[in-house]
C-alpha cells in the first residue's frame, strides 16, 4: 500500500467521526494532498492542526461541512497556490489562523477582512507576489496578533491599521513597505510590540506612538527614518531598536530614567555628543549597541550598575577618557567591542577577568598598561584584539590557560620580552598578530601545527605562518606596512 493510499484511509477514518471536535496531526512526517472532502463530515470540528508536516499542493478547500472551526493551523508545510475564498466566507467563527512558512503565492486576499472574530492571523514567510496590504485588514477589529513578516509587502502602512484597537503584536518586518508610518498607529491602545524593521519607511516616527502606554518593544531598525521625538524616547520600553537609520543629534538624558530598559540598539546612525551619563543606573540593562555613530565624551559609568549587562558595543565613535572602574565589577559581561574610539589610560584590573567573557575587542584606542595576569579567569574567551594601543610589559603566560582562544591580536603596541611558547598548546588557536612590538626570541615551527595565521614582523623575531602550514620568511625591510595591513584586514 502506498503512503498516499494509507493517508487517504486515515482521513476516511477521521471523516466518519461526526462528533469529533479537536484533531491534531501536527509534528509528524505526513505528506500528500488534502482534498476538500477530507473533513467534510466533521461538522463539529473546532480545532484542526496539520502543522509541521510535509503536505503539499494547493491549500484544502474546507467549504464542505466544517463551518464551526475556531482554530486552524496549517503552518510549516508545503502548501502552494492561493488562500481560497472559502477561508473568508465559511470560517466566520475562526479565531486563530496559522499559515506560517508555506509556499503560498498571490497576495493577501481582501476577504480575510470578513473574519470579524479573528484574534490571530499568522502569514509569516510565504513567497507572496509583491502587493500592498488590503484595506479590509482594518475590519479585523478583534485582532490581537498580526504576523505579516517576510511577505513581499509593498506600498504604505494603511491608516486603517489604527482601527485595530485590540492589537497587541504588530509584525510587518522584512518587507518593502515605504512612505511614512501613519499617525493612526497611535490608535493601538493596548499594543505591546511593534516590529517594523527591514523596510523602506521614511521621514520620522509619529509622536502619536508616545500615546501607546502599553508598548514594551519598538523595533523600527533598518529603514530610512530620520526624526525622533523626545516624547518617544521617554517611553518606558523594554526594547528600543533604532539601528540602521538616519537619526542624528543627541540622545536625550531622559532615556536614562527608563526603569525597565533591557535592550538599546541605536547603531549605524549619526547620533552625536554624549550618551546620557546615568544610562543603566535605573534599569536592568542587558544589551547596548551604540556603535558607528558620532558620540563623544566618556562612556557612561553606570551601564552595568545593576550587574546585568551582557553585551557592550560602542565601536566606531569618538569616546574618550578611561574605561569606568565599575566595569571591572560587571561579571555578567560576555561580549565587549569598544574598539576604534579614543579611550585612554589603563584598563581596570577586573575588566580582563570576567568569567563569561567570550569576545574582548579594544583595538585602535590609546589604552596603556599591561595585560592582567588574572586574564586566566576569563576562561571562555574566544577572541582578544587589543592591537594599535600603547600596551606594554610582557605578555603574561596566563594567556596559555585560555583553552577556547581562537584569535589573539596584539600588534602595534609596546610589548617586550618573549611570546610565551605555551600558546602552542592552545588547540583552538588559529590567528595571532603580534607585529610592531618589541618581542624577542623565536618559536620553533613544529609548535604551530594548528595555527592558521601569524604575523611577527618588526620584532626581533619574524615569522609569517599561513593555513597551508608553510612558513614564508621575508626580509622586514622589503615588506611594506601597507601590504601587512591588507593582510590583517582580510583576516579580521
Protein backbone atom coordinates (compact mmCIF):
# COMPACT_ATOMS: atom_id res chain seq x y z
CA UNK A 1 0.00 0.00 0.00
CA UNK A 2 1.40 3.39 -0.96
CA UNK A 3 1.76 6.14 1.61
CA UNK A 4 -0.80 8.21 -0.31
CA UNK A 5 -3.35 5.41 -0.10
CA UNK A 6 -2.64 4.92 3.58
CA UNK A 7 -3.15 8.61 4.18
CA UNK A 8 -6.47 8.52 2.33
CA UNK A 9 -7.64 5.65 4.56
CA UNK A 10 -6.64 7.60 7.68
CA UNK A 11 -8.62 10.63 6.56
CA UNK A 12 -11.66 8.48 5.67
CA UNK A 13 -11.46 7.07 9.19
CA UNK A 14 -11.37 10.58 10.67
CA UNK A 15 -14.19 11.72 8.43
CA UNK A 16 -16.70 9.23 9.83
CA UNK A 17 -16.26 10.51 13.40
CA UNK A 18 -19.10 13.02 13.18
CA UNK A 19 -18.74 14.16 16.80
CA UNK A 20 -15.03 14.99 16.52
CA UNK A 21 -14.24 18.46 17.90
CA UNK A 22 -10.44 18.61 18.21
CA UNK A 23 -7.93 16.99 15.87
CA UNK A 24 -4.15 17.44 15.81
CA UNK A 25 -1.92 15.62 13.34
CA UNK A 26 0.92 18.10 13.93
CA UNK A 27 4.62 17.29 14.19
CA UNK A 28 4.68 14.12 12.12
CA UNK A 29 6.08 13.23 8.71
CA UNK A 30 2.73 13.12 6.92
CA UNK A 31 2.69 14.16 3.29
CA UNK A 32 0.47 14.13 0.26
CA UNK A 33 -2.58 16.18 -0.73
CA UNK A 34 -5.50 17.22 1.48
CA UNK A 35 -8.72 17.07 -0.53
CA UNK A 36 -11.83 19.14 0.05
CA UNK A 37 -13.70 16.07 1.34
CA UNK A 38 -11.08 15.02 3.90
CA UNK A 39 -13.04 16.53 6.79
CA UNK A 40 -16.38 17.20 5.12
CA UNK A 41 -18.41 15.23 7.69
CA UNK A 42 -16.64 16.66 10.73
CA UNK A 43 -19.26 19.35 11.21
CA UNK A 44 -18.45 19.74 14.92
CA UNK A 45 -14.74 20.31 14.39
CA UNK A 46 -13.48 23.36 16.34
CA UNK A 47 -9.71 22.76 16.30
CA UNK A 48 -7.64 21.37 13.42
CA UNK A 49 -3.84 21.29 13.25
CA UNK A 50 -1.82 19.81 10.40
CA UNK A 51 1.27 21.86 11.30
CA UNK A 52 4.88 20.73 10.84
CA UNK A 53 4.32 18.04 8.23
CA UNK A 54 5.03 17.67 4.51
CA UNK A 55 1.62 18.29 2.98
CA UNK A 56 1.81 19.89 -0.44
CA UNK A 57 -0.13 21.17 -3.41
CA UNK A 58 -2.90 23.71 -3.03
CA UNK A 59 -4.50 24.63 0.27
CA UNK A 60 -7.52 22.45 1.02
CA UNK A 61 -10.96 23.88 0.31
CA UNK A 62 -12.87 23.47 3.53
CA UNK A 63 -16.16 24.80 2.14
CA UNK A 64 -17.91 21.50 2.86
CA UNK A 65 -19.07 20.91 6.34
CA UNK A 66 -16.73 22.44 8.93
CA UNK A 67 -18.22 25.88 9.43
CA UNK A 68 -17.69 25.87 13.20
CA UNK A 69 -13.90 25.84 13.02
CA UNK A 70 -12.27 28.22 15.50
CA UNK A 71 -8.58 27.31 15.25
CA UNK A 72 -6.88 26.24 12.01
CA UNK A 73 -3.12 25.60 11.91
CA UNK A 74 -1.56 24.64 8.56
CA UNK A 75 1.85 26.16 9.26
CA UNK A 76 5.21 24.71 8.25
CA UNK A 77 4.10 22.59 5.32
CA UNK A 78 4.49 22.94 1.55
CA UNK A 79 1.03 24.17 0.59
CA UNK A 80 1.04 26.25 -2.58
CA UNK A 81 -1.28 28.45 -4.55
CA UNK A 82 -3.71 31.00 -3.18
CA UNK A 83 -5.65 31.40 0.02
CA UNK A 84 -9.05 30.12 -1.06
CA UNK A 85 -12.22 32.19 -0.86
CA UNK A 86 -13.79 29.60 1.43
CA UNK A 87 -11.45 30.78 4.20
CA UNK A 88 -13.18 34.15 4.19
CA UNK A 89 -16.76 33.02 3.67
CA UNK A 90 -17.13 29.77 5.61
CA UNK A 91 -14.91 30.26 8.63
CA UNK A 92 -16.83 33.09 10.24
CA UNK A 93 -16.22 31.57 13.69
CA UNK A 94 -12.46 31.36 13.12
CA UNK A 95 -10.35 32.99 15.85
CA UNK A 96 -6.87 31.62 15.05
CA UNK A 97 -5.45 31.19 11.54
CA UNK A 98 -1.86 29.93 11.18
CA UNK A 99 -0.42 29.71 7.66
CA UNK A 100 3.23 30.38 8.52
CA UNK A 101 6.06 29.02 6.35
CA UNK A 102 4.36 27.53 3.32
CA UNK A 103 4.67 28.32 -0.41
CA UNK A 104 1.52 30.41 -0.73
CA UNK A 105 1.64 32.90 -3.62
CA UNK A 106 -0.62 35.65 -4.97
CA UNK A 107 -1.45 38.35 -2.38
CA UNK A 108 -3.26 38.74 0.91
CA UNK A 109 -6.93 38.40 -0.11
CA UNK A 110 -9.41 41.08 0.89
CA UNK A 111 -11.99 38.51 2.00
CA UNK A 112 -9.93 37.79 5.12
CA UNK A 113 -11.47 41.03 6.34
CA UNK A 114 -14.72 39.07 6.77
CA UNK A 115 -13.29 37.12 9.72
CA UNK A 116 -14.62 39.55 12.28
CA UNK A 117 -13.85 37.42 15.35
CA UNK A 118 -10.28 36.59 14.27
CA UNK A 119 -7.74 37.27 17.03
CA UNK A 120 -4.57 35.81 15.47
CA UNK A 121 -3.53 35.95 11.82
CA UNK A 122 -0.14 34.45 11.04
CA UNK A 123 1.15 34.53 7.46
CA UNK A 124 4.89 34.84 8.09
CA UNK A 125 7.37 33.59 5.47
CA UNK A 126 5.29 32.91 2.39
CA UNK A 127 6.52 33.98 -1.07
CA UNK A 128 3.57 36.22 -1.90
CA UNK A 129 3.80 38.31 -5.03
CA UNK A 130 4.73 41.94 -4.27
CA UNK A 131 1.46 43.53 -3.21
CA UNK A 132 0.08 46.04 -0.70
CA UNK A 133 -1.88 45.37 2.45
CA UNK A 134 -5.60 45.13 1.66
CA UNK A 135 -7.77 47.90 3.08
CA UNK A 136 -10.09 45.29 4.57
CA UNK A 137 -7.45 44.38 7.18
CA UNK A 138 -8.86 47.30 9.13
CA UNK A 139 -12.11 45.33 9.57
CA UNK A 140 -10.44 42.81 11.88
CA UNK A 141 -11.33 44.82 14.95
CA UNK A 142 -10.80 41.90 17.34
CA UNK A 143 -7.35 41.03 16.03
CA UNK A 144 -4.69 40.76 18.74
CA UNK A 145 -1.73 39.31 16.85
CA UNK A 146 -0.75 40.14 13.27
CA UNK A 147 2.33 38.28 11.99
CA UNK A 148 2.98 39.58 8.47
CA UNK A 149 6.77 39.32 8.30
CA UNK A 150 8.58 38.34 5.07
CA UNK A 151 5.60 38.52 2.69
CA UNK A 152 6.95 40.83 -0.06
CA UNK A 153 4.56 43.57 1.02
CA UNK A 154 4.88 46.89 -0.82
CA UNK A 155 3.12 50.24 -0.63
CA UNK A 156 2.41 52.06 2.61
CA UNK A 157 1.18 51.08 6.04
CA UNK A 158 -2.54 51.77 5.88
CA UNK A 159 -4.26 54.39 8.02
CA UNK A 160 -6.83 51.71 8.80
CA UNK A 161 -4.20 49.95 10.93
CA UNK A 162 -5.26 52.33 13.68
CA UNK A 163 -8.71 50.70 13.82
CA UNK A 164 -7.21 47.53 15.30
CA UNK A 165 -7.73 48.73 18.85
CA UNK A 166 -7.29 45.25 20.36
CA UNK A 167 -3.95 44.57 18.63
CA UNK A 168 -1.14 43.51 20.98
CA UNK A 169 1.53 42.42 18.50
CA UNK A 170 2.11 44.02 15.10
CA UNK A 171 4.83 42.47 12.93
CA UNK A 172 5.31 43.86 9.43
CA UNK A 173 9.07 43.32 9.38
CA UNK A 174 11.26 42.28 6.46
CA UNK A 175 9.05 43.61 3.70
CA UNK A 176 9.33 46.53 1.26
CA UNK A 177 6.85 48.92 2.84
CA UNK A 178 7.61 52.57 2.16
CA UNK A 179 6.38 56.04 2.99
CA UNK A 180 5.63 57.36 6.45
CA UNK A 181 4.38 55.47 9.48
CA UNK A 182 0.77 56.70 9.77
CA UNK A 183 -0.33 58.87 12.69
CA UNK A 184 -3.19 56.43 13.18
CA UNK A 185 -0.78 53.92 14.71
CA UNK A 186 -1.45 55.82 17.92
CA UNK A 187 -4.85 54.12 17.99
CA UNK A 188 -3.35 50.78 19.02
CA UNK A 189 -4.21 51.38 22.65
CA UNK A 190 -3.14 48.04 24.10
CA UNK A 191 -0.23 47.22 21.77
CA UNK A 192 2.82 45.62 23.40
CA UNK A 193 5.12 45.00 20.46
CA UNK A 194 5.67 46.80 17.15
CA UNK A 195 8.10 45.23 14.65
CA UNK A 196 8.64 47.32 11.51
CA UNK A 197 12.31 46.58 10.87
CA UNK A 198 13.79 45.89 7.43
CA UNK A 199 11.51 48.03 5.34
CA UNK A 200 11.89 51.30 3.41
CA UNK A 201 9.94 53.54 5.77
CA UNK A 202 10.98 57.19 5.73
CA UNK A 203 10.56 60.55 7.44
CA UNK A 204 10.14 60.34 11.22
CA UNK A 205 8.32 58.45 13.91
CA UNK A 206 4.86 59.94 14.52
CA UNK A 207 4.53 61.42 18.00
CA UNK A 208 1.28 59.50 18.42
CA UNK A 209 3.44 56.47 19.25
CA UNK A 210 4.07 58.17 22.58
CA UNK A 211 0.38 57.59 23.38
CA UNK A 212 0.87 53.82 23.41
CA UNK A 213 1.14 53.32 27.16
CA UNK A 214 1.31 49.52 26.98
CA UNK A 215 4.07 49.35 24.37
CA UNK A 216 7.15 47.42 25.57
CA UNK A 217 9.07 46.63 22.40
CA UNK A 218 9.65 49.01 19.49
CA UNK A 219 11.85 47.87 16.60
CA UNK A 220 11.95 50.20 13.60
CA UNK A 221 15.54 49.39 12.62
CA UNK A 222 16.86 49.13 9.06
CA UNK A 223 14.67 51.79 7.49
CA UNK A 224 15.21 55.35 6.23
CA UNK A 225 13.87 57.18 9.27
CA UNK A 226 15.42 60.46 10.37
CA UNK A 227 13.30 62.22 13.02
CA UNK A 228 12.90 61.07 16.62
CA UNK A 229 10.74 62.84 19.17
CA UNK A 230 11.86 63.04 22.80
CA UNK A 231 8.31 62.01 23.70
CA UNK A 232 9.08 58.57 22.25
CA UNK A 233 12.48 58.30 23.91
CA UNK A 234 10.90 58.89 27.32
CA UNK A 235 8.51 55.94 26.91
CA UNK A 236 9.04 53.05 29.39
CA UNK A 237 10.15 50.44 26.85
CA UNK A 238 11.94 47.13 27.45
CA UNK A 239 13.45 47.11 23.97
CA UNK A 240 14.25 50.14 21.80
CA UNK A 241 15.83 49.27 18.45
CA UNK A 242 16.51 52.24 16.16
CA UNK A 243 19.63 50.98 14.41
CA UNK A 244 20.46 51.42 10.72
CA UNK A 245 18.54 54.62 10.09
CA UNK A 246 19.44 58.29 9.67
CA UNK A 247 18.76 59.62 13.16
CA UNK A 248 21.05 62.38 14.40
CA UNK A 249 21.55 64.76 17.29
CA UNK A 250 21.92 64.00 20.98
CA UNK A 251 20.21 61.14 22.78
CA UNK A 252 18.10 62.86 25.47
CA UNK A 253 19.25 62.39 29.06
CA UNK A 254 15.70 61.39 29.97
CA UNK A 255 16.35 57.97 28.38
CA UNK A 256 18.36 57.10 31.50
CA UNK A 257 15.24 57.42 33.66
CA UNK A 258 13.54 54.44 31.98
CA UNK A 259 13.25 51.86 34.79
CA UNK A 260 12.61 48.81 32.55
CA UNK A 261 15.05 49.31 29.65
CA UNK A 262 16.76 45.99 28.83
CA UNK A 263 17.98 46.49 25.26
CA UNK A 264 19.13 49.62 23.45
CA UNK A 265 20.28 49.30 19.84
CA UNK A 266 20.91 52.58 18.04
CA UNK A 267 23.97 51.65 15.97
CA UNK A 268 24.61 52.84 12.42
CA UNK A 269 23.07 56.28 12.76
CA UNK A 270 24.51 59.77 13.18
CA UNK A 271 23.81 60.39 16.87
CA UNK A 272 26.38 62.73 18.40
CA UNK A 273 27.59 64.37 21.62
CA UNK A 274 27.48 62.41 24.87
CA UNK A 275 25.34 59.47 25.84
CA UNK A 276 23.14 60.05 28.91
CA UNK A 277 25.56 59.94 31.85
CA UNK A 278 23.17 57.94 34.07
CA UNK A 279 22.27 55.38 31.42
CA UNK A 280 21.92 52.00 33.12
CA UNK A 281 21.59 53.35 36.64
CA UNK A 282 17.83 52.90 36.83
CA UNK A 283 17.24 49.74 34.77
CA UNK A 284 18.45 46.17 34.29
CA UNK A 285 20.29 46.97 31.08
CA UNK A 286 21.36 43.75 29.31
CA UNK A 287 22.35 44.78 25.78
CA UNK A 288 23.61 48.12 24.49
CA UNK A 289 24.91 48.76 20.99
CA UNK A 290 25.67 52.37 20.04
CA UNK A 291 28.40 51.59 17.52
CA UNK A 292 29.08 53.55 14.34
CA UNK A 293 27.76 56.92 15.41
CA UNK A 294 29.45 60.20 16.32
CA UNK A 295 29.36 60.00 20.09
CA UNK A 296 31.98 61.85 22.12
CA UNK A 297 32.82 62.22 25.80
CA UNK A 298 33.21 59.46 28.34
CA UNK A 299 31.49 56.09 28.43
CA UNK A 300 28.54 56.19 30.85
CA UNK A 301 29.84 54.79 34.13
CA UNK A 302 26.59 53.11 35.20
CA UNK A 303 25.93 50.85 32.22
CA UNK A 304 26.44 47.77 34.41
CA UNK A 305 25.21 49.29 37.66
CA UNK A 306 22.60 46.53 38.09
CA UNK A 307 25.14 43.80 37.20
CA UNK A 308 23.02 42.52 34.30
CA UNK A 309 24.89 43.87 31.26
CA UNK A 310 25.92 41.12 28.83
CA UNK A 311 26.77 42.95 25.60
CA UNK A 312 28.70 46.24 25.48
CA UNK A 313 29.20 47.52 21.92
CA UNK A 314 30.44 51.08 21.30
CA UNK A 315 32.94 50.77 18.43
CA UNK A 316 33.50 53.43 15.75
CA UNK A 317 32.76 56.52 17.79
CA UNK A 318 34.94 59.12 19.48
CA UNK A 319 34.50 58.12 23.12
CA UNK A 320 37.37 59.37 25.26
CA UNK A 321 38.59 59.13 28.84
CA UNK A 322 39.17 55.91 30.71
CA UNK A 323 37.19 52.70 30.94
CA UNK A 324 34.99 53.23 34.04
CA UNK A 325 36.16 51.35 37.12
CA UNK A 326 32.64 49.99 37.68
CA UNK A 327 33.00 47.93 34.50
CA UNK A 328 35.56 45.77 36.34
CA UNK A 329 32.72 44.54 38.58
CA UNK A 330 30.48 43.58 35.65
CA UNK A 331 30.74 39.78 35.83
CA UNK A 332 27.70 39.39 33.57
CA UNK A 333 29.62 40.66 30.50
CA UNK A 334 30.14 38.15 27.72
CA UNK A 335 30.71 40.34 24.66
CA UNK A 336 32.72 43.58 24.56
CA UNK A 337 33.53 45.68 21.49
CA UNK A 338 34.83 49.13 22.37
CA UNK A 339 37.41 49.40 19.59
CA UNK A 340 38.04 52.38 17.30
CA UNK A 341 37.50 55.13 19.84
CA UNK A 342 39.83 57.48 21.73
CA UNK A 343 39.84 55.70 25.08
CA UNK A 344 42.98 56.11 27.18
CA UNK A 345 44.53 55.12 30.49
CA UNK A 346 44.90 51.67 31.98
CA UNK A 347 42.25 49.00 31.65
CA UNK A 348 40.75 48.23 35.10
CA UNK A 349 42.22 45.02 36.52
CA UNK A 350 38.90 43.20 36.79
CA UNK A 351 37.86 44.06 33.22
CA UNK A 352 40.31 41.44 31.90
CA UNK A 353 38.97 38.59 34.01
CA UNK A 354 35.20 38.32 33.58
CA UNK A 355 34.44 34.61 33.62
CA UNK A 356 31.66 34.75 30.99
CA UNK A 357 33.57 36.89 28.52
CA UNK A 358 33.91 35.39 25.03
CA UNK A 359 34.93 38.42 22.97
CA UNK A 360 37.16 41.33 24.03
CA UNK A 361 37.93 43.89 21.32
CA UNK A 362 39.62 47.13 22.33
CA UNK A 363 41.88 47.79 19.34
CA UNK A 364 42.58 51.26 17.90
CA UNK A 365 42.38 53.28 21.10
CA UNK A 366 45.01 54.92 23.30
CA UNK A 367 44.94 52.40 26.11
CA UNK A 368 48.06 51.62 28.08
CA UNK A 369 49.35 49.46 30.89
CA UNK A 370 49.63 45.69 30.73
CA UNK A 371 47.50 42.60 30.27
CA UNK A 372 46.42 41.43 33.71
CA UNK A 373 47.69 38.09 34.98
CA UNK A 374 44.07 37.47 36.03
CA UNK A 375 43.09 37.09 32.38
CA UNK A 376 43.24 33.35 33.03
CA UNK A 377 39.92 33.72 34.86
CA UNK A 378 38.25 34.68 31.57
CA UNK A 379 38.28 31.02 30.59
CA UNK A 380 35.59 31.37 27.90
CA UNK A 381 37.50 33.94 25.81
CA UNK A 382 37.47 33.15 22.11
CA UNK A 383 38.82 36.42 20.71
CA UNK A 384 41.18 39.08 22.11
CA UNK A 385 42.02 42.07 19.95
CA UNK A 386 43.92 44.94 21.57
CA UNK A 387 46.07 45.99 18.59
CA UNK A 388 47.00 49.62 17.90
CA UNK A 389 47.20 50.84 21.50
CA UNK A 390 50.01 51.68 23.91
CA UNK A 391 50.10 48.48 25.95
CA UNK A 392 53.49 47.49 27.31
CA UNK A 393 55.34 44.99 29.53
CA UNK A 394 55.47 41.26 28.93
CA UNK A 395 52.67 39.09 27.62
CA UNK A 396 51.58 37.06 30.66
CA UNK A 397 51.92 33.29 30.47
CA UNK A 398 48.39 33.04 31.89
CA UNK A 399 47.24 33.55 28.30
CA UNK A 400 48.04 29.87 27.84
CA UNK A 401 45.18 28.91 30.15
CA UNK A 402 42.59 30.23 27.70
CA UNK A 403 41.74 26.94 26.06
CA UNK A 404 38.90 28.40 23.95
CA UNK A 405 41.08 31.10 22.38
CA UNK A 406 40.92 31.31 18.57
CA UNK A 407 42.07 34.88 17.84
CA UNK A 408 44.88 36.76 19.62
CA UNK A 409 45.76 40.18 18.14
CA UNK A 410 48.37 42.35 19.92
CA UNK A 411 50.04 44.16 17.03
CA UNK A 412 51.27 47.79 17.13
CA UNK A 413 51.81 48.09 20.89
CA UNK A 414 54.94 48.18 23.05
CA UNK A 415 55.07 44.63 24.38
CA UNK A 416 58.56 43.32 25.11
CA UNK A 417 60.05 40.06 26.26
CA UNK A 418 59.02 36.80 24.65
CA UNK A 419 55.82 35.47 23.18
CA UNK A 420 55.03 32.60 25.57
CA UNK A 421 55.79 29.34 23.81
CA UNK A 422 53.00 27.68 25.75
CA UNK A 423 50.44 29.26 23.41
CA UNK A 424 51.31 26.47 21.01
CA UNK A 425 49.33 24.23 23.36
CA UNK A 426 46.13 26.14 22.67
CA UNK A 427 44.40 23.65 20.38
CA UNK A 428 41.80 26.07 19.02
CA UNK A 429 44.14 28.99 18.34
CA UNK A 430 44.07 29.98 14.65
CA UNK A 431 45.19 33.59 14.29
CA UNK A 432 47.93 35.51 16.09
CA UNK A 433 49.04 39.03 15.15
CA UNK A 434 51.92 40.48 17.15
CA UNK A 435 53.83 42.63 14.65
CA UNK A 436 55.27 46.05 15.56
CA UNK A 437 56.12 45.29 19.18
CA UNK A 438 59.49 44.70 20.86
CA UNK A 439 59.27 40.94 21.28
CA UNK A 440 62.31 38.72 21.07
CA UNK A 441 63.22 35.02 20.62
CA UNK A 442 61.66 32.56 18.22
CA UNK A 443 59.12 29.77 18.44
CA UNK A 444 60.06 26.56 16.60
CA UNK A 445 57.90 25.95 13.55
CA UNK A 446 56.84 22.48 14.71
CA UNK A 447 54.95 24.11 17.56
CA UNK A 448 52.39 25.56 15.15
CA UNK A 449 50.65 22.55 13.71
CA UNK A 450 47.16 24.04 14.16
CA UNK A 451 47.85 27.76 13.90
CA UNK A 452 46.22 29.42 10.92
CA UNK A 453 47.84 32.83 10.55
CA UNK A 454 50.69 34.51 12.36
CA UNK A 455 52.46 37.84 11.93
CA UNK A 456 55.54 38.58 13.99
CA UNK A 457 57.14 41.33 11.93
CA UNK A 458 59.08 44.34 13.20
CA UNK A 459 60.03 42.46 16.34
CA UNK A 460 63.32 40.70 16.81
CA UNK A 461 61.63 37.58 15.54
CA UNK A 462 60.00 37.41 12.17
CA UNK A 463 57.61 34.69 11.14
CA UNK A 464 54.60 34.54 8.87
CA UNK A 465 52.63 31.33 9.10
CA UNK A 466 49.67 30.56 6.85
CA UNK A 467 46.91 27.98 6.89
CA UNK A 468 48.61 25.73 4.36
CA UNK A 469 51.20 25.03 7.07
CA UNK A 470 54.05 26.64 5.16
CA UNK A 471 56.41 29.21 6.58
CA UNK A 472 57.15 32.19 4.37
CA UNK A 473 60.17 34.15 5.57
CA UNK A 474 60.59 37.73 4.45
CA UNK A 475 63.13 40.43 4.93
CA UNK A 476 61.38 43.08 7.07
CA UNK A 477 62.98 45.84 5.03
CA UNK A 478 61.25 44.60 1.87
CA UNK A 479 57.77 44.08 3.30
CA UNK A 480 55.63 47.19 3.16
CA UNK A 481 53.46 48.18 6.09
CA UNK A 482 50.54 48.61 3.70
CA UNK A 483 50.87 45.02 2.49
CA UNK A 484 50.76 43.76 6.04
CA UNK A 485 47.73 45.88 6.87
CA UNK A 486 45.95 44.49 3.82
CA UNK A 487 46.68 41.00 5.06
CA UNK A 488 45.39 41.90 8.51
CA UNK A 489 42.17 43.43 7.18
CA UNK A 490 41.35 40.26 5.28
CA UNK A 491 41.76 38.23 8.45
CA UNK A 492 39.73 40.35 10.85
